[in-house]
Amino acid sequence: MKITDAMPVKPGAKIGAGKEIRREGEVRPAGGVLTGDRVELSSDSREVREAQRVLQEVPEVRTELVQALKAKIERNEYHVDAGDIADKMLGSLLGDLGIPKG
């Protein structure tokens, strides 16, 4: 293939400089200047974001509860009924298996 009538290109020249490039279907505002992309969040997404912010402020460990339990254990006042623990463990297992407790 032979290209004829080609215009010479100077080294460092910017091809298409000064020309306006538009995407298909692009509409320019009255001033002719495009603004950046815009995102609008739904009210649900704003509520989720606010809930996440509030949760981040809540400490993962409830220090006052931990301290109270430690104090009870040290004073030998913290007692757990083994039967209650077994019932809860079995109830949890049955629930996981879809078997009603009863």
N, C-alpha and C. Protein backbone atom coordinates (compact mmCIF):
# COMPACT_ATOMS: atom_id res chain seq x y z
N MET A 1 0.85 -1.17 0.00
CA MET A 1 0.00 0.00 0.00
C MET A 1 0.90 1.23 0.00
N LYS A 2 0.57 2.19 -0.81
CA LYS A 2 1.37 3.40 -0.93
C LYS A 2 0.51 4.59 -0.54
N ILE A 3 1.07 5.44 0.35
CA ILE A 3 0.33 6.63 0.77
C ILE A 3 0.89 7.81 -0.01
N THR A 4 0.01 8.51 -0.66
CA THR A 4 0.45 9.67 -1.43
C THR A 4 -0.16 10.93 -0.84
N ASP A 5 0.38 12.06 -1.20
CA ASP A 5 -0.09 13.36 -0.73
C ASP A 5 -0.12 13.46 0.79
N ALA A 6 0.80 12.79 1.44
CA ALA A 6 0.87 12.86 2.90
C ALA A 6 1.55 14.15 3.30
N MET A 7 1.05 14.76 4.35
CA MET A 7 1.66 15.98 4.87
C MET A 7 2.75 15.58 5.85
N PRO A 8 3.90 16.22 5.78
CA PRO A 8 4.96 15.87 6.72
C PRO A 8 4.57 16.25 8.16
N VAL A 9 4.99 15.44 9.09
CA VAL A 9 4.71 15.69 10.51
C VAL A 9 6.02 16.05 11.18
N LYS A 10 6.01 17.17 11.89
CA LYS A 10 7.20 17.61 12.58
C LYS A 10 7.38 16.81 13.85
N PRO A 11 8.61 16.44 14.21
CA PRO A 11 8.84 15.72 15.47
C PRO A 11 8.34 16.55 16.65
N GLY A 12 7.63 15.90 17.57
CA GLY A 12 7.10 16.58 18.75
C GLY A 12 5.78 17.27 18.53
N ALA A 13 5.28 17.24 17.30
CA ALA A 13 3.99 17.89 17.04
C ALA A 13 2.87 17.08 17.67
N LYS A 14 1.86 17.78 18.15
CA LYS A 14 0.71 17.11 18.75
C LYS A 14 -0.37 16.95 17.68
N ILE A 15 -0.70 15.72 17.43
CA ILE A 15 -1.70 15.43 16.42
C ILE A 15 -3.07 15.78 16.98
N GLY A 16 -3.83 16.51 16.24
CA GLY A 16 -5.18 16.88 16.65
C GLY A 16 -5.22 18.05 17.62
N ALA A 17 -4.10 18.71 17.84
CA ALA A 17 -4.07 19.85 18.77
C ALA A 17 -5.00 20.93 18.27
N GLY A 18 -5.77 21.49 19.18
CA GLY A 18 -6.68 22.58 18.83
C GLY A 18 -8.02 22.09 18.33
N LYS A 19 -8.17 20.79 18.11
CA LYS A 19 -9.45 20.27 17.65
C LYS A 19 -10.27 19.80 18.85
N GLU A 20 -11.56 19.98 18.76
CA GLU A 20 -12.46 19.58 19.84
C GLU A 20 -12.87 18.13 19.63
N ILE A 21 -12.78 17.34 20.67
CA ILE A 21 -13.17 15.94 20.59
C ILE A 21 -14.42 15.75 21.42
N ARG A 22 -15.41 15.13 20.82
CA ARG A 22 -16.67 14.86 21.53
C ARG A 22 -17.01 13.39 21.42
N ARG A 23 -17.60 12.90 22.46
CA ARG A 23 -18.10 11.52 22.42
C ARG A 23 -19.48 11.54 21.79
N GLU A 24 -19.86 10.43 21.22
CA GLU A 24 -21.16 10.33 20.59
C GLU A 24 -22.26 10.58 21.62
N GLY A 25 -23.19 11.44 21.32
CA GLY A 25 -24.32 11.73 22.21
C GLY A 25 -23.99 12.70 23.33
N GLU A 26 -22.77 13.24 23.34
CA GLU A 26 -22.35 14.15 24.41
C GLU A 26 -23.05 15.49 24.22
N VAL A 27 -23.58 16.02 25.30
CA VAL A 27 -24.25 17.31 25.26
C VAL A 27 -23.46 18.27 26.15
N ARG A 28 -23.15 19.41 25.60
CA ARG A 28 -22.41 20.42 26.36
C ARG A 28 -23.40 21.40 26.98
N PRO A 29 -23.10 21.86 28.21
CA PRO A 29 -23.95 22.87 28.83
C PRO A 29 -23.88 24.19 28.05
N ALA A 30 -24.72 25.13 28.41
CA ALA A 30 -24.81 26.40 27.68
C ALA A 30 -23.47 27.10 27.57
N GLY A 31 -22.62 27.05 28.61
CA GLY A 31 -21.32 27.71 28.57
C GLY A 31 -20.32 26.98 27.70
N GLY A 32 -20.64 25.78 27.27
CA GLY A 32 -19.76 25.01 26.40
C GLY A 32 -18.67 24.25 27.13
N VAL A 33 -18.65 24.34 28.46
CA VAL A 33 -17.61 23.66 29.22
C VAL A 33 -18.22 22.44 29.91
N LEU A 34 -17.57 21.32 29.74
CA LEU A 34 -18.05 20.10 30.39
C LEU A 34 -17.66 20.12 31.85
N THR A 35 -18.56 19.68 32.68
CA THR A 35 -18.24 19.54 34.10
C THR A 35 -17.84 18.10 34.35
N GLY A 36 -17.26 17.81 35.50
CA GLY A 36 -16.83 16.45 35.83
C GLY A 36 -18.01 15.52 36.01
N ASP A 37 -17.69 14.26 36.21
CA ASP A 37 -18.73 13.27 36.46
C ASP A 37 -19.46 13.61 37.74
N ARG A 38 -20.69 13.20 37.83
CA ARG A 38 -21.51 13.49 39.00
C ARG A 38 -22.13 12.21 39.50
N VAL A 39 -22.17 12.04 40.80
CA VAL A 39 -22.78 10.87 41.40
C VAL A 39 -23.81 11.34 42.42
N GLU A 40 -24.98 10.77 42.36
CA GLU A 40 -26.00 11.08 43.36
C GLU A 40 -26.28 9.80 44.13
N LEU A 41 -26.24 9.92 45.46
CA LEU A 41 -26.50 8.76 46.32
C LEU A 41 -27.96 8.74 46.72
N SER A 42 -28.52 7.55 46.76
CA SER A 42 -29.91 7.41 47.21
C SER A 42 -29.97 7.64 48.70
N SER A 43 -31.17 7.87 49.21
CA SER A 43 -31.32 8.08 50.65
C SER A 43 -30.92 6.82 51.42
N ASP A 44 -31.16 5.65 50.84
CA ASP A 44 -30.76 4.40 51.50
C ASP A 44 -29.25 4.32 51.65
N SER A 45 -28.51 4.69 50.60
CA SER A 45 -27.06 4.63 50.69
C SER A 45 -26.53 5.65 51.68
N ARG A 46 -27.20 6.80 51.79
CA ARG A 46 -26.78 7.79 52.79
C ARG A 46 -27.01 7.25 54.20
N GLU A 47 -28.12 6.55 54.41
CA GLU A 47 -28.41 5.96 55.72
C GLU A 47 -27.38 4.89 56.07
N VAL A 48 -27.00 4.07 55.08
CA VAL A 48 -25.99 3.04 55.31
C VAL A 48 -24.66 3.68 55.68
N ARG A 49 -24.28 4.72 54.98
CA ARG A 49 -23.03 5.42 55.27
C ARG A 49 -23.05 6.00 56.69
N GLU A 50 -24.18 6.57 57.09
CA GLU A 50 -24.29 7.14 58.44
C GLU A 50 -24.22 6.03 59.50
N ALA A 51 -24.87 4.89 59.23
CA ALA A 51 -24.81 3.76 60.16
C ALA A 51 -23.38 3.26 60.30
N GLN A 52 -22.65 3.19 59.20
CA GLN A 52 -21.25 2.75 59.26
C GLN A 52 -20.41 3.71 60.08
N ARG A 53 -20.67 5.00 59.93
CA ARG A 53 -19.92 6.01 60.68
C ARG A 53 -20.19 5.86 62.18
N VAL A 54 -21.45 5.65 62.54
CA VAL A 54 -21.82 5.50 63.95
C VAL A 54 -21.19 4.23 64.52
N LEU A 55 -21.22 3.14 63.75
CA LEU A 55 -20.63 1.89 64.23
C LEU A 55 -19.13 2.01 64.45
N GLN A 56 -18.46 2.80 63.65
CA GLN A 56 -17.02 2.98 63.83
C GLN A 56 -16.70 3.70 65.13
N GLU A 57 -17.65 4.45 65.65
CA GLU A 57 -17.44 5.17 66.90
C GLU A 57 -17.66 4.29 68.12
N VAL A 58 -18.35 3.15 67.93
CA VAL A 58 -18.62 2.25 69.04
C VAL A 58 -17.41 1.34 69.25
N PRO A 59 -16.92 1.25 70.48
CA PRO A 59 -15.76 0.39 70.72
C PRO A 59 -16.12 -1.09 70.52
N GLU A 60 -15.16 -1.87 70.02
CA GLU A 60 -15.38 -3.29 69.79
C GLU A 60 -15.50 -4.04 71.10
N VAL A 61 -14.77 -3.58 72.13
CA VAL A 61 -14.77 -4.24 73.43
C VAL A 61 -15.45 -3.31 74.42
N ARG A 62 -16.44 -3.83 75.11
CA ARG A 62 -17.11 -3.04 76.14
C ARG A 62 -16.29 -3.14 77.42
N THR A 63 -15.38 -2.22 77.57
CA THR A 63 -14.38 -2.26 78.63
C THR A 63 -15.02 -2.35 80.01
N GLU A 64 -16.09 -1.59 80.24
CA GLU A 64 -16.72 -1.60 81.57
C GLU A 64 -17.28 -2.98 81.91
N LEU A 65 -17.84 -3.68 80.93
CA LEU A 65 -18.37 -5.02 81.16
C LEU A 65 -17.24 -6.00 81.45
N VAL A 66 -16.17 -5.92 80.68
CA VAL A 66 -15.01 -6.80 80.88
C VAL A 66 -14.44 -6.60 82.28
N GLN A 67 -14.29 -5.34 82.69
CA GLN A 67 -13.74 -5.05 84.02
C GLN A 67 -14.64 -5.59 85.12
N ALA A 68 -15.95 -5.45 84.97
CA ALA A 68 -16.89 -5.96 85.97
C ALA A 68 -16.80 -7.48 86.08
N LEU A 69 -16.71 -8.16 84.94
CA LEU A 69 -16.62 -9.63 84.96
C LEU A 69 -15.28 -10.07 85.58
N LYS A 70 -14.20 -9.38 85.26
CA LYS A 70 -12.90 -9.72 85.84
C LYS A 70 -12.94 -9.59 87.36
N ALA A 71 -13.57 -8.53 87.82
CA ALA A 71 -13.67 -8.31 89.27
C ALA A 71 -14.46 -9.43 89.93
N LYS A 72 -15.57 -9.84 89.32
CA LYS A 72 -16.38 -10.94 89.88
C LYS A 72 -15.57 -12.23 89.92
N ILE A 73 -14.82 -12.50 88.86
CA ILE A 73 -14.01 -13.72 88.81
C ILE A 73 -12.95 -13.69 89.91
N GLU A 74 -12.30 -12.55 90.09
CA GLU A 74 -11.26 -12.42 91.13
C GLU A 74 -11.84 -12.60 92.54
N ARG A 75 -13.09 -12.16 92.74
CA ARG A 75 -13.74 -12.30 94.05
C ARG A 75 -14.44 -13.65 94.20
N ASN A 76 -14.31 -14.50 93.15
CA ASN A 76 -14.96 -15.82 93.13
C ASN A 76 -16.49 -15.70 93.22
N GLU A 77 -17.01 -14.66 92.60
CA GLU A 77 -18.46 -14.42 92.60
C GLU A 77 -19.10 -14.75 91.25
N TYR A 78 -18.30 -15.13 90.29
CA TYR A 78 -18.82 -15.42 88.95
C TYR A 78 -18.98 -16.92 88.81
N HIS A 79 -20.22 -17.35 88.72
CA HIS A 79 -20.51 -18.78 88.62
C HIS A 79 -21.38 -19.02 87.38
N VAL A 80 -21.04 -20.04 86.65
CA VAL A 80 -21.81 -20.40 85.45
C VAL A 80 -22.30 -21.82 85.62
N ASP A 81 -23.58 -22.02 85.38
CA ASP A 81 -24.18 -23.35 85.48
C ASP A 81 -23.83 -24.14 84.22
N ALA A 82 -23.15 -25.27 84.39
CA ALA A 82 -22.74 -26.11 83.27
C ALA A 82 -23.95 -26.59 82.47
N GLY A 83 -25.06 -26.84 83.13
CA GLY A 83 -26.27 -27.28 82.44
C GLY A 83 -26.79 -26.20 81.49
N ASP A 84 -26.73 -24.91 81.94
CA ASP A 84 -27.16 -23.81 81.08
C ASP A 84 -26.29 -23.71 79.82
N ILE A 85 -24.99 -23.89 80.01
CA ILE A 85 -24.07 -23.84 78.86
C ILE A 85 -24.37 -24.97 77.89
N ALA A 86 -24.58 -26.19 78.43
CA ALA A 86 -24.87 -27.35 77.58
C ALA A 86 -26.18 -27.13 76.81
N ASP A 87 -27.20 -26.61 77.50
CA ASP A 87 -28.49 -26.34 76.84
C ASP A 87 -28.32 -25.36 75.68
N LYS A 88 -27.56 -24.31 75.91
CA LYS A 88 -27.36 -23.30 74.86
C LYS A 88 -26.55 -23.87 73.70
N MET A 89 -25.55 -24.69 74.01
CA MET A 89 -24.75 -25.29 72.94
C MET A 89 -25.60 -26.24 72.09
N LEU A 90 -26.39 -27.08 72.76
CA LEU A 90 -27.25 -28.02 72.02
C LEU A 90 -28.32 -27.28 71.24
N GLY A 91 -28.89 -26.24 71.86
CA GLY A 91 -29.91 -25.45 71.16
C GLY A 91 -29.34 -24.81 69.91
N SER A 92 -28.12 -24.30 70.01
CA SER A 92 -27.47 -23.69 68.86
C SER A 92 -27.20 -24.72 67.77
N LEU A 93 -26.72 -25.89 68.17
CA LEU A 93 -26.44 -26.96 67.21
C LEU A 93 -27.72 -27.42 66.52
N LEU A 94 -28.78 -27.63 67.30
CA LEU A 94 -30.06 -28.05 66.70
C LEU A 94 -30.59 -26.99 65.75
N GLY A 95 -30.45 -25.72 66.15
CA GLY A 95 -30.91 -24.63 65.28
C GLY A 95 -30.13 -24.60 63.97
N ASP A 96 -28.81 -24.84 64.06
CA ASP A 96 -27.99 -24.87 62.84
C ASP A 96 -28.40 -26.00 61.92
N LEU A 97 -28.85 -27.11 62.51
CA LEU A 97 -29.28 -28.27 61.72
C LEU A 97 -30.73 -28.15 61.27
N GLY A 98 -31.42 -27.11 61.71
CA GLY A 98 -32.81 -26.91 61.34
C GLY A 98 -33.79 -27.75 62.12
N ILE A 99 -33.35 -28.28 63.27
CA ILE A 99 -34.19 -29.11 64.11
C ILE A 99 -34.74 -28.23 65.23
N PRO A 100 -36.08 -28.17 65.37
CA PRO A 100 -36.64 -27.33 66.42
C PRO A 100 -36.30 -27.89 67.80
N LYS A 101 -35.95 -26.96 68.70
CA LYS A 101 -35.61 -27.36 70.07
C LYS A 101 -36.91 -27.63 70.81
N GLY A 102 -36.94 -28.72 71.55
CA GLY A 102 -38.18 -28.96 72.27
C GLY A 102 -38.18 -30.24 72.90
